[in-house]
Amino acid sequence: MQRTQRRITDRLARTNPTTVFLVTLLLVLVAFFTPGPLGGLFTLLLAAVVAALLVTTWPVQTLPTRVIRLLMLTLLVTVGLVKLL
C-alpha cells in the first residue's frame, strides 16, 4: 500500500497545476449545471474523487491546507445531496 501511495503522490507532483485547475473547474461547472438528480450524482462522484485525493495527500499537507480541502469536500457533498434530493 505504501509503495502504491508513493507512486500516486509522485505522479501528482509532476502534473501541471494550471491544467489540473482548469480540468477540475470544468468538471465542477458541469456537475453544478447539470440539472436534477444526474447533476447530484455527478457532484457526489466528483466529491468521492476529491476524498480519495485528500486521503492520498493527507500526510504531506499542512493544517491550513487540510482545513480548506475538508471545507471544499463538505461543500461538494452538500451541493450533491441538495441536487439529488
PDB file of N, CA and C in Angstrom:
ATOM      1  N   MET A   1       0.825  -1.195   0.000  1.00  0.00           N
ATOM      2  CA  MET A   1       0.000   0.000   0.000  1.00  0.00           C
ATOM      3  C   MET A   1       0.866   1.255   0.000  1.00  0.00           C
ATOM      4  N   GLN A   2       1.892   1.259   0.796  1.00  0.00           N
ATOM      5  CA  GLN A   2       2.790   2.405   0.893  1.00  0.00           C
ATOM      6  C   GLN A   2       3.447   2.695  -0.451  1.00  0.00           C
ATOM      7  N   ARG A   3       3.856   1.666  -1.154  1.00  0.00           N
ATOM      8  CA  ARG A   3       4.529   1.834  -2.439  1.00  0.00           C
ATOM      9  C   ARG A   3       3.571   2.430  -3.479  1.00  0.00           C
ATOM     10  N   THR A   4       2.329   1.958  -3.498  1.00  0.00           N
ATOM     11  CA  THR A   4       1.334   2.479  -4.429  1.00  0.00           C
ATOM     12  C   THR A   4       1.027   3.934  -4.119  1.00  0.00           C
ATOM     13  N   GLN A   5       0.902   4.254  -2.858  1.00  0.00           N
ATOM     14  CA  GLN A   5       0.619   5.624  -2.457  1.00  0.00           C
ATOM     15  C   GLN A   5       1.769   6.540  -2.861  1.00  0.00           C
ATOM     16  N   ARG A   6       2.984   6.070  -2.742  1.00  0.00           N
ATOM     17  CA  ARG A   6       4.147   6.866  -3.115  1.00  0.00           C
ATOM     18  C   ARG A   6       4.156   7.140  -4.616  1.00  0.00           C
ATOM     19  N   ARG A   7       3.805   6.122  -5.418  1.00  0.00           N
ATOM     20  CA  ARG A   7       3.757   6.314  -6.869  1.00  0.00           C
ATOM     21  C   ARG A   7       2.685   7.325  -7.246  1.00  0.00           C
ATOM     22  N   ILE A   8       1.557   7.259  -6.573  1.00  0.00           N
ATOM     23  CA  ILE A   8       0.474   8.198  -6.874  1.00  0.00           C
ATOM     24  C   ILE A   8       0.885   9.620  -6.520  1.00  0.00           C
ATOM     25  N   THR A   9       1.485   9.811  -5.352  1.00  0.00           N
ATOM     26  CA  THR A   9       1.897  11.156  -4.960  1.00  0.00           C
ATOM     27  C   THR A   9       3.005  11.679  -5.855  1.00  0.00           C
ATOM     28  N   ASP A  10       3.918  10.814  -6.301  1.00  0.00           N
ATOM     29  CA  ASP A  10       4.955  11.248  -7.239  1.00  0.00           C
ATOM     30  C   ASP A  10       4.343  11.682  -8.565  1.00  0.00           C
ATOM     31  N   ARG A  11       3.364  10.937  -9.009  1.00  0.00           N
ATOM     32  CA  ARG A  11       2.692  11.270 -10.268  1.00  0.00           C
ATOM     33  C   ARG A  11       1.917  12.585 -10.137  1.00  0.00           C
ATOM     34  N   LEU A  12       1.244  12.776  -9.008  1.00  0.00           N
ATOM     35  CA  LEU A  12       0.521  14.028  -8.785  1.00  0.00           C
ATOM     36  C   LEU A  12       1.465  15.223  -8.729  1.00  0.00           C
ATOM     37  N   ALA A  13       2.636  15.033  -8.170  1.00  0.00           N
ATOM     38  CA  ALA A  13       3.605  16.127  -8.060  1.00  0.00           C
ATOM     39  C   ALA A  13       4.107  16.576  -9.426  1.00  0.00           C
ATOM     40  N   ARG A  14       4.074  15.690 -10.409  1.00  0.00           N
ATOM     41  CA  ARG A  14       4.578  16.039 -11.743  1.00  0.00           C
ATOM     42  C   ARG A  14       3.521  16.679 -12.645  1.00  0.00           C
ATOM     43  N   THR A  15       2.274  16.726 -12.209  1.00  0.00           N
ATOM     44  CA  THR A  15       1.224  17.277 -13.057  1.00  0.00           C
ATOM     45  C   THR A  15       1.309  18.797 -13.121  1.00  0.00           C
ATOM     46  N   ASN A  16       0.845  19.339 -14.233  1.00  0.00           N
ATOM     47  CA  ASN A  16       0.828  20.780 -14.426  1.00  0.00           C
ATOM     48  C   ASN A  16      -0.323  21.376 -13.607  1.00  0.00           C
ATOM     49  N   PRO A  17      -0.037  22.269 -12.659  1.00  0.00           N
ATOM     50  CA  PRO A  17      -1.089  22.812 -11.791  1.00  0.00           C
ATOM     51  C   PRO A  17      -2.181  23.560 -12.561  1.00  0.00           C
ATOM     52  N   THR A  18      -1.804  24.269 -13.609  1.00  0.00           N
ATOM     53  CA  THR A  18      -2.794  25.006 -14.386  1.00  0.00           C
ATOM     54  C   THR A  18      -3.766  24.052 -15.069  1.00  0.00           C
ATOM     55  N   THR A  19      -3.250  22.987 -15.643  1.00  0.00           N
ATOM     56  CA  THR A  19      -4.104  22.004 -16.302  1.00  0.00           C
ATOM     57  C   THR A  19      -5.033  21.335 -15.300  1.00  0.00           C
ATOM     58  N   VAL A  20      -4.512  20.966 -14.156  1.00  0.00           N
ATOM     59  CA  VAL A  20      -5.330  20.334 -13.116  1.00  0.00           C
ATOM     60  C   VAL A  20      -6.434  21.283 -12.673  1.00  0.00           C
ATOM     61  N   PHE A  21      -6.104  22.552 -12.482  1.00  0.00           N
ATOM     62  CA  PHE A  21      -7.098  23.543 -12.062  1.00  0.00           C
ATOM     63  C   PHE A  21      -8.193  23.688 -13.112  1.00  0.00           C
ATOM     64  N   LEU A  22      -7.807  23.815 -14.373  1.00  0.00           N
ATOM     65  CA  LEU A  22      -8.793  24.012 -15.431  1.00  0.00           C
ATOM     66  C   LEU A  22      -9.697  22.795 -15.623  1.00  0.00           C
ATOM     67  N   VAL A  23      -9.130  21.608 -15.568  1.00  0.00           N
ATOM     68  CA  VAL A  23      -9.935  20.389 -15.700  1.00  0.00           C
ATOM     69  C   VAL A  23     -10.893  20.254 -14.513  1.00  0.00           C
ATOM     70  N   THR A  24     -10.406  20.541 -13.323  1.00  0.00           N
ATOM     71  CA  THR A  24     -11.256  20.471 -12.137  1.00  0.00           C
ATOM     72  C   THR A  24     -12.368  21.509 -12.206  1.00  0.00           C
ATOM     73  N   LEU A  25     -12.037  22.721 -12.633  1.00  0.00           N
ATOM     74  CA  LEU A  25     -13.047  23.761 -12.782  1.00  0.00           C
ATOM     75  C   LEU A  25     -14.115  23.345 -13.784  1.00  0.00           C
ATOM     76  N   LEU A  26     -13.711  22.773 -14.889  1.00  0.00           N
ATOM     77  CA  LEU A  26     -14.655  22.299 -15.899  1.00  0.00           C
ATOM     78  C   LEU A  26     -15.581  21.221 -15.324  1.00  0.00           C
ATOM     79  N   LEU A  27     -15.003  20.260 -14.604  1.00  0.00           N
ATOM     80  CA  LEU A  27     -15.809  19.187 -14.007  1.00  0.00           C
ATOM     81  C   LEU A  27     -16.802  19.723 -12.977  1.00  0.00           C
ATOM     82  N   VAL A  28     -16.368  20.677 -12.165  1.00  0.00           N
ATOM     83  CA  VAL A  28     -17.256  21.257 -11.155  1.00  0.00           C
ATOM     84  C   VAL A  28     -18.391  22.028 -11.829  1.00  0.00           C
ATOM     85  N   LEU A  29     -18.084  22.798 -12.853  1.00  0.00           N
ATOM     86  CA  LEU A  29     -19.126  23.553 -13.553  1.00  0.00           C
ATOM     87  C   LEU A  29     -20.129  22.627 -14.227  1.00  0.00           C
ATOM     88  N   VAL A  30     -19.639  21.569 -14.855  1.00  0.00           N
ATOM     89  CA  VAL A  30     -20.550  20.601 -15.473  1.00  0.00           C
ATOM     90  C   VAL A  30     -21.430  19.956 -14.406  1.00  0.00           C
ATOM     91  N   ALA A  31     -20.831  19.586 -13.278  1.00  0.00           N
ATOM     92  CA  ALA A  31     -21.601  18.951 -12.203  1.00  0.00           C
ATOM     93  C   ALA A  31     -22.643  19.911 -11.629  1.00  0.00           C
ATOM     94  N   PHE A  32     -22.269  21.163 -11.438  1.00  0.00           N
ATOM     95  CA  PHE A  32     -23.203  22.130 -10.855  1.00  0.00           C
ATOM     96  C   PHE A  32     -24.341  22.494 -11.811  1.00  0.00           C
ATOM     97  N   PHE A  33     -24.055  22.541 -13.105  1.00  0.00           N
ATOM     98  CA  PHE A  33     -25.070  22.991 -14.060  1.00  0.00           C
ATOM     99  C   PHE A  33     -25.841  21.857 -14.726  1.00  0.00           C
ATOM    100  N   THR A  34     -25.494  20.620 -14.428  1.00  0.00           N
ATOM    101  CA  THR A  34     -26.306  19.502 -14.909  1.00  0.00           C
ATOM    102  C   THR A  34     -27.536  19.430 -14.019  1.00  0.00           C
ATOM    103  N   PRO A  35     -28.727  19.478 -14.625  1.00  0.00           N
ATOM    104  CA  PRO A  35     -29.934  19.570 -13.796  1.00  0.00           C
ATOM    105  C   PRO A  35     -30.326  18.248 -13.126  1.00  0.00           C
ATOM    106  N   GLY A  36     -31.043  18.397 -12.020  1.00  0.00           N
ATOM    107  CA  GLY A  36     -31.681  17.263 -11.363  1.00  0.00           C
ATOM    108  C   GLY A  36     -30.749  16.274 -10.698  1.00  0.00           C
ATOM    109  N   PRO A  37     -31.264  15.066 -10.516  1.00  0.00           N
ATOM    110  CA  PRO A  37     -30.508  14.024  -9.822  1.00  0.00           C
ATOM    111  C   PRO A  37     -29.211  13.626 -10.530  1.00  0.00           C
ATOM    112  N   LEU A  38     -29.186  13.736 -11.844  1.00  0.00           N
ATOM    113  CA  LEU A  38     -27.953  13.407 -12.570  1.00  0.00           C
ATOM    114  C   LEU A  38     -26.818  14.346 -12.156  1.00  0.00           C
ATOM    115  N   GLY A  39     -27.130  15.616 -12.011  1.00  0.00           N
ATOM    116  CA  GLY A  39     -26.129  16.581 -11.532  1.00  0.00           C
ATOM    117  C   GLY A  39     -25.688  16.276 -10.109  1.00  0.00           C
ATOM    118  N   GLY A  40     -26.644  15.845  -9.281  1.00  0.00           N
ATOM    119  CA  GLY A  40     -26.304  15.476  -7.904  1.00  0.00           C
ATOM    120  C   GLY A  40     -25.386  14.268  -7.851  1.00  0.00           C
ATOM    121  N   LEU A  41     -25.694  13.272  -8.680  1.00  0.00           N
ATOM    122  CA  LEU A  41     -24.833  12.082  -8.726  1.00  0.00           C
ATOM    123  C   LEU A  41     -23.434  12.422  -9.235  1.00  0.00           C
ATOM    124  N   PHE A  42     -23.379  13.264 -10.251  1.00  0.00           N
ATOM    125  CA  PHE A  42     -22.078  13.662 -10.790  1.00  0.00           C
ATOM    126  C   PHE A  42     -21.278  14.453  -9.750  1.00  0.00           C
ATOM    127  N   THR A  43     -21.963  15.317  -9.006  1.00  0.00           N
ATOM    128  CA  THR A  43     -21.292  16.091  -7.956  1.00  0.00           C
ATOM    129  C   THR A  43     -20.774  15.174  -6.846  1.00  0.00           C
ATOM    130  N   LEU A  44     -21.576  14.175  -6.466  1.00  0.00           N
ATOM    131  CA  LEU A  44     -21.128  13.231  -5.435  1.00  0.00           C
ATOM    132  C   LEU A  44     -19.971  12.364  -5.938  1.00  0.00           C
ATOM    133  N   LEU A  45     -19.984  12.024  -7.211  1.00  0.00           N
ATOM    134  CA  LEU A  45     -18.864  11.286  -7.795  1.00  0.00           C
ATOM    135  C   LEU A  45     -17.591  12.133  -7.755  1.00  0.00           C
ATOM    136  N   LEU A  46     -17.732  13.400  -8.086  1.00  0.00           N
ATOM    137  CA  LEU A  46     -16.590  14.312  -8.007  1.00  0.00           C
ATOM    138  C   LEU A  46     -16.099  14.435  -6.567  1.00  0.00           C
ATOM    139  N   ALA A  47     -17.013  14.466  -5.611  1.00  0.00           N
ATOM    140  CA  ALA A  47     -16.637  14.526  -4.196  1.00  0.00           C
ATOM    141  C   ALA A  47     -15.881  13.269  -3.775  1.00  0.00           C
ATOM    142  N   ALA A  48     -16.277  12.114  -4.311  1.00  0.00           N
ATOM    143  CA  ALA A  48     -15.569  10.867  -3.994  1.00  0.00           C
ATOM    144  C   ALA A  48     -14.136  10.905  -4.517  1.00  0.00           C
ATOM    145  N   VAL A  49     -13.947  11.464  -5.698  1.00  0.00           N
ATOM    146  CA  VAL A  49     -12.587  11.587  -6.256  1.00  0.00           C
ATOM    147  C   VAL A  49     -11.762  12.553  -5.409  1.00  0.00           C
ATOM    148  N   VAL A  50     -12.373  13.652  -5.008  1.00  0.00           N
ATOM    149  CA  VAL A  50     -11.672  14.615  -4.150  1.00  0.00           C
ATOM    150  C   VAL A  50     -11.322  13.970  -2.809  1.00  0.00           C
ATOM    151  N   ALA A  51     -12.220  13.172  -2.261  1.00  0.00           N
ATOM    152  CA  ALA A  51     -11.946  12.482  -0.988  1.00  0.00           C
ATOM    153  C   ALA A  51     -10.780  11.506  -1.140  1.00  0.00           C
ATOM    154  N   ALA A  52     -10.736  10.791  -2.254  1.00  0.00           N
ATOM    155  CA  ALA A  52      -9.624   9.860  -2.489  1.00  0.00           C
ATOM    156  C   ALA A  52      -8.302  10.616  -2.582  1.00  0.00           C
ATOM    157  N   LEU A  53      -8.303  11.746  -3.271  1.00  0.00           N
ATOM    158  CA  LEU A  53      -7.082  12.558  -3.347  1.00  0.00           C
ATOM    159  C   LEU A  53      -6.705  13.122  -1.985  1.00  0.00           C
ATOM    160  N   LEU A  54      -7.706  13.505  -1.211  1.00  0.00           N
ATOM    161  CA  LEU A  54      -7.453  14.033   0.127  1.00  0.00           C
ATOM    162  C   LEU A  54      -6.791  12.991   1.012  1.00  0.00           C
ATOM    163  N   VAL A  55      -7.294  11.771   0.959  1.00  0.00           N
ATOM    164  CA  VAL A  55      -6.713  10.684   1.756  1.00  0.00           C
ATOM    165  C   VAL A  55      -5.287  10.394   1.297  1.00  0.00           C
ATOM    166  N   THR A  56      -5.064  10.413  -0.007  1.00  0.00           N
ATOM    167  CA  THR A  56      -3.743  10.101  -0.550  1.00  0.00           C
ATOM    168  C   THR A  56      -2.707  11.152  -0.170  1.00  0.00           C
ATOM    169  N   THR A  57      -3.099  12.424  -0.203  1.00  0.00           N
ATOM    170  CA  THR A  57      -2.131  13.501   0.030  1.00  0.00           C
ATOM    171  C   THR A  57      -2.143  14.026   1.465  1.00  0.00           C
ATOM    172  N   TRP A  58      -2.970  13.461   2.318  1.00  0.00           N
ATOM    173  CA  TRP A  58      -3.108  13.944   3.698  1.00  0.00           C
ATOM    174  C   TRP A  58      -1.772  14.065   4.450  1.00  0.00           C
ATOM    175  N   PRO A  59      -0.875  13.070   4.388  1.00  0.00           N
ATOM    176  CA  PRO A  59       0.350  13.169   5.201  1.00  0.00           C
ATOM    177  C   PRO A  59       1.268  14.331   4.824  1.00  0.00           C
ATOM    178  N   VAL A  60       1.189  14.830   3.609  1.00  0.00           N
ATOM    179  CA  VAL A  60       2.122  15.874   3.177  1.00  0.00           C
ATOM    180  C   VAL A  60       1.502  17.269   3.192  1.00  0.00           C
ATOM    181  N   GLN A  61       0.268  17.403   3.657  1.00  0.00           N
ATOM    182  CA  GLN A  61      -0.406  18.701   3.672  1.00  0.00           C
ATOM    183  C   GLN A  61      -0.271  19.361   5.040  1.00  0.00           C
ATOM    184  N   THR A  62      -0.251  20.695   5.020  1.00  0.00           N
ATOM    185  CA  THR A  62      -0.223  21.463   6.264  1.00  0.00           C
ATOM    186  C   THR A  62      -1.633  21.558   6.825  1.00  0.00           C
ATOM    187  N   LEU A  63      -1.754  21.968   8.065  1.00  0.00           N
ATOM    188  CA  LEU A  63      -3.058  22.064   8.711  1.00  0.00           C
ATOM    189  C   LEU A  63      -4.010  23.023   7.984  1.00  0.00           C
ATOM    190  N   PRO A  64      -3.566  24.223   7.612  1.00  0.00           N
ATOM    191  CA  PRO A  64      -4.498  25.107   6.891  1.00  0.00           C
ATOM    192  C   PRO A  64      -4.977  24.512   5.556  1.00  0.00           C
ATOM    193  N   THR A  65      -4.110  23.823   4.856  1.00  0.00           N
ATOM    194  CA  THR A  65      -4.497  23.188   3.593  1.00  0.00           C
ATOM    195  C   THR A  65      -5.503  22.080   3.847  1.00  0.00           C
ATOM    196  N   ARG A  66      -5.309  21.320   4.894  1.00  0.00           N
ATOM    197  CA  ARG A  66      -6.256  20.250   5.238  1.00  0.00           C
ATOM    198  C   ARG A  66      -7.639  20.817   5.532  1.00  0.00           C
ATOM    199  N   VAL A  67      -7.674  21.921   6.285  1.00  0.00           N
ATOM    200  CA  VAL A  67      -8.954  22.536   6.647  1.00  0.00           C
ATOM    201  C   VAL A  67      -9.679  23.023   5.395  1.00  0.00           C
ATOM    202  N   ILE A  68      -8.970  23.697   4.501  1.00  0.00           N
ATOM    203  CA  ILE A  68      -9.576  24.193   3.270  1.00  0.00           C
ATOM    204  C   ILE A  68     -10.099  23.041   2.428  1.00  0.00           C
ATOM    205  N   ARG A  69      -9.323  21.984   2.303  1.00  0.00           N
ATOM    206  CA  ARG A  69      -9.757  20.841   1.498  1.00  0.00           C
ATOM    207  C   ARG A  69     -10.966  20.136   2.122  1.00  0.00           C
ATOM    208  N   LEU A  70     -11.001  20.045   3.430  1.00  0.00           N
ATOM    209  CA  LEU A  70     -12.170  19.454   4.086  1.00  0.00           C
ATOM    210  C   LEU A  70     -13.412  20.321   3.892  1.00  0.00           C
ATOM    211  N   LEU A  71     -13.241  21.636   3.933  1.00  0.00           N
ATOM    212  CA  LEU A  71     -14.364  22.529   3.678  1.00  0.00           C
ATOM    213  C   LEU A  71     -14.881  22.386   2.248  1.00  0.00           C
ATOM    214  N   MET A  72     -13.976  22.286   1.285  1.00  0.00           N
ATOM    215  CA  MET A  72     -14.381  22.110  -0.112  1.00  0.00           C
ATOM    216  C   MET A  72     -15.084  20.767  -0.311  1.00  0.00           C
ATOM    217  N   LEU A  73     -14.589  19.732   0.339  1.00  0.00           N
ATOM    218  CA  LEU A  73     -15.233  18.424   0.249  1.00  0.00           C
ATOM    219  C   LEU A  73     -16.634  18.476   0.852  1.00  0.00           C
ATOM    220  N   THR A  74     -16.776  19.153   1.983  1.00  0.00           N
ATOM    221  CA  THR A  74     -18.078  19.311   2.615  1.00  0.00           C
ATOM    222  C   THR A  74     -19.033  20.071   1.704  1.00  0.00           C
ATOM    223  N   LEU A  75     -18.539  21.110   1.041  1.00  0.00           N
ATOM    224  CA  LEU A  75     -19.359  21.876   0.115  1.00  0.00           C
ATOM    225  C   LEU A  75     -19.817  21.016  -1.057  1.00  0.00           C
ATOM    226  N   LEU A  76     -18.912  20.231  -1.624  1.00  0.00           N
ATOM    227  CA  LEU A  76     -19.285  19.358  -2.741  1.00  0.00           C
ATOM    228  C   LEU A  76     -20.337  18.335  -2.337  1.00  0.00           C
ATOM    229  N   VAL A  77     -20.157  17.709  -1.184  1.00  0.00           N
ATOM    230  CA  VAL A  77     -21.124  16.702  -0.723  1.00  0.00           C
ATOM    231  C   VAL A  77     -22.475  17.362  -0.455  1.00  0.00           C
ATOM    232  N   THR A  78     -22.469  18.534   0.158  1.00  0.00           N
ATOM    233  CA  THR A  78     -23.720  19.237   0.456  1.00  0.00           C
ATOM    234  C   THR A  78     -24.467  19.599  -0.827  1.00  0.00           C
ATOM    235  N   VAL A  79     -23.753  20.164  -1.789  1.00  0.00           N
ATOM    236  CA  VAL A  79     -24.385  20.523  -3.058  1.00  0.00           C
ATOM    237  C   VAL A  79     -24.899  19.273  -3.774  1.00  0.00           C
ATOM    238  N   GLY A  80     -24.114  18.214  -3.752  1.00  0.00           N
ATOM    239  CA  GLY A  80     -24.541  16.964  -4.391  1.00  0.00           C
ATOM    240  C   GLY A  80     -25.804  16.411  -3.763  1.00  0.00           C
ATOM    241  N   LEU A  81     -25.879  16.423  -2.449  1.00  0.00           N
ATOM    242  CA  LEU A  81     -27.069  15.897  -1.762  1.00  0.00           C
ATOM    243  C   LEU A  81     -28.293  16.777  -2.005  1.00  0.00           C
ATOM    244  N   VAL A  82     -28.089  18.095  -2.022  1.00  0.00           N
ATOM    245  CA  VAL A  82     -29.195  19.016  -2.277  1.00  0.00           C
ATOM    246  C   VAL A  82     -29.733  18.800  -3.694  1.00  0.00           C
ATOM    247  N   LYS A  83     -28.837  18.657  -4.652  1.00  0.00           N
ATOM    248  CA  LYS A  83     -29.283  18.427  -6.047  1.00  0.00           C
ATOM    249  C   LYS A  83     -29.936  17.061  -6.201  1.00  0.00           C
ATOM    250  N   LEU A  84     -29.475  16.097  -5.461  1.00  0.00           N
ATOM    251  CA  LEU A  84     -30.014  14.751  -5.556  1.00  0.00           C
ATOM    252  C   LEU A  84     -31.428  14.668  -5.007  1.00  0.00           C
ATOM    253  N   LEU A  85     -31.670  15.393  -3.940  1.00  0.00           N
ATOM    254  CA  LEU A  85     -32.981  15.372  -3.307  1.00  0.00           C
ATOM    255  C   LEU A  85     -33.813  16.482  -3.890  1.00  0.00           C
TER     256      LEU A  85
END
